[in-house]
Amino acid sequence: QVQLVESGGGLVQPGGSLRLSCTASVSVSRLNLMGWYRQTPGKQRSRELVAVMPSGGTPIYADSVNGRFTISRDNTKNTVYLQMNSLKPEDTAVYYCRASMGVTNVEYWGRGTQVTVSS
């Protein structure tokens, strides 16, 4: 079982920045993938990929955030970060951390952190 705890959400003005953190209860080196998804109020049944970092692979970004968001990982802290710059109102969402582990890629999700971009 893997537990994921997100932090760093909040209210920010358009053009501002936030950094989200996701800390795993296991070494991130054991995880096949860690990343961030988001869910907007109008899309309650789907979560959109924001950025993911496959183990040993190249980060993948959604087109809507490419060039503005950066995903990174600190193995010593078992933590993945999402640096969000030039935030837009359409980035408003609940952001969820996701990880997968094992040969069957069992999925784990955090509880989410709210990001609101508004003036």
Protein backbone atom coordinates (compact mmCIF):
# COMPACT_ATOMS: atom_id res chain seq x y z
CA GLN A 1 0.00 0.00 0.00
CA VAL A 2 1.26 3.45 -0.94
CA GLN A 3 0.01 6.63 0.65
CA LEU A 4 0.35 9.94 -1.16
CA VAL A 5 -0.01 13.28 0.58
CA GLU A 6 -0.33 16.47 -1.45
CA SER A 7 0.27 20.00 -0.26
CA GLY A 8 0.86 23.46 -1.64
CA GLY A 9 -2.48 24.40 -3.14
CA GLY A 10 -4.19 27.70 -2.55
CA LEU A 11 -5.50 30.90 -4.07
CA VAL A 12 -3.29 32.82 -6.47
CA GLN A 13 -3.82 35.67 -8.91
CA PRO A 14 -3.53 35.15 -12.66
CA GLY A 15 0.11 35.19 -13.69
CA GLY A 16 1.23 33.96 -10.28
CA SER A 17 3.01 30.79 -9.22
CA LEU A 18 2.48 27.87 -6.88
CA ARG A 19 4.44 24.74 -6.08
CA LEU A 20 2.65 21.54 -5.26
CA SER A 21 4.29 18.70 -3.36
CA CYS A 22 3.40 15.03 -3.20
CA THR A 23 5.13 12.87 -0.62
CA ALA A 24 4.95 9.10 -0.90
CA SER A 25 5.05 6.63 1.98
CA VAL A 26 7.56 4.50 0.06
CA SER A 27 10.76 5.26 -1.75
CA VAL A 28 9.92 6.89 -5.07
CA SER A 29 12.55 4.67 -6.65
CA ARG A 30 10.08 1.80 -6.17
CA LEU A 31 7.37 3.55 -8.16
CA ASN A 32 6.91 3.08 -11.88
CA LEU A 33 5.40 6.50 -12.31
CA MET A 34 4.45 9.56 -10.30
CA GLY A 35 2.56 12.51 -11.55
CA TRP A 36 -0.20 15.05 -11.32
CA TYR A 37 -3.74 15.09 -12.61
CA ARG A 38 -6.49 17.64 -12.14
CA GLN A 39 -10.24 17.70 -11.99
CA THR A 40 -12.28 20.81 -12.74
CA PRO A 41 -15.75 21.61 -11.39
CA GLY A 42 -17.33 21.05 -14.79
CA LYS A 43 -15.71 17.66 -15.28
CA GLN A 44 -16.51 15.80 -12.11
CA ARG A 45 -16.05 12.37 -13.65
CA SER A 46 -12.71 12.77 -15.36
CA ARG A 47 -9.23 13.69 -14.31
CA GLU A 48 -6.94 15.35 -16.80
CA LEU A 49 -3.28 14.49 -17.01
CA VAL A 50 -1.16 17.51 -16.10
CA ALA A 51 2.36 16.12 -15.85
CA VAL A 52 3.83 12.70 -15.14
CA MET A 53 7.32 11.43 -14.55
CA PRO A 54 7.91 7.80 -15.53
CA SER A 55 10.70 6.09 -13.65
CA GLY A 56 13.87 6.71 -15.61
CA GLY A 57 11.92 8.38 -18.38
CA THR A 58 11.21 11.80 -19.78
CA PRO A 59 8.47 13.87 -18.15
CA ILE A 60 5.22 14.16 -20.06
CA TYR A 61 3.15 17.33 -20.00
CA ALA A 62 -0.31 18.24 -21.16
CA ASP A 63 -0.21 20.71 -24.04
CA SER A 64 -2.14 23.22 -21.95
CA VAL A 65 0.63 23.45 -19.33
CA ASN A 66 3.75 22.74 -21.38
CA GLY A 67 6.24 25.55 -20.89
CA ARG A 68 4.50 26.83 -17.75
CA PHE A 69 4.60 23.83 -15.39
CA THR A 70 7.60 21.74 -14.39
CA ILE A 71 7.56 18.38 -12.65
CA SER A 72 10.54 17.29 -10.61
CA ARG A 73 11.45 14.67 -8.04
CA ASP A 74 13.54 14.54 -4.87
CA ASN A 75 14.35 10.91 -4.14
CA THR A 76 15.82 11.77 -0.74
CA LYS A 77 12.45 13.14 0.37
CA ASN A 78 10.24 10.66 -1.52
CA THR A 79 8.58 13.72 -3.02
CA VAL A 80 7.45 14.88 -6.43
CA TYR A 81 6.90 18.56 -7.10
CA LEU A 82 4.85 20.50 -9.61
CA GLN A 83 6.09 24.04 -10.13
CA MET A 84 3.28 26.04 -11.72
CA ASN A 85 4.10 29.41 -13.27
CA SER A 86 2.06 31.91 -15.28
CA LEU A 87 -1.11 30.47 -13.82
CA LYS A 88 -4.38 31.08 -15.61
CA PRO A 89 -7.98 30.97 -14.36
CA GLU A 90 -8.50 27.80 -16.40
CA ASP A 91 -5.87 26.09 -14.25
CA THR A 92 -8.34 26.21 -11.38
CA ALA A 93 -8.97 22.62 -10.29
CA VAL A 94 -8.36 20.03 -7.63
CA TYR A 95 -4.91 18.61 -8.28
CA TYR A 96 -4.30 14.95 -7.50
CA CYS A 97 -1.06 13.07 -7.14
CA ARG A 98 -0.96 9.63 -8.75
CA ALA A 99 1.58 6.83 -8.49
CA SER A 100 1.85 3.30 -9.81
CA MET A 101 3.91 0.41 -8.54
CA GLY A 102 4.72 -3.19 -9.31
CA VAL A 103 4.54 -5.35 -12.39
CA THR A 104 0.78 -4.85 -12.58
CA ASN A 105 1.04 -1.05 -12.17
CA VAL A 106 -1.27 -0.82 -9.20
CA GLU A 107 -2.55 2.74 -8.96
CA TYR A 108 -2.57 4.98 -5.93
CA TRP A 109 -4.08 8.44 -5.57
CA GLY A 110 -3.77 11.24 -3.09
CA ARG A 111 -6.77 13.11 -1.71
CA GLY A 112 -6.15 16.20 -3.80
CA THR A 113 -5.30 19.83 -3.19
CA GLN A 114 -7.34 22.79 -4.42
CA VAL A 115 -5.74 25.35 -6.71
CA THR A 116 -7.77 28.47 -7.44
CA VAL A 117 -6.54 31.12 -9.88
CA SER A 118 -8.59 34.26 -9.57
CA SER A 119 -8.22 38.00 -9.22
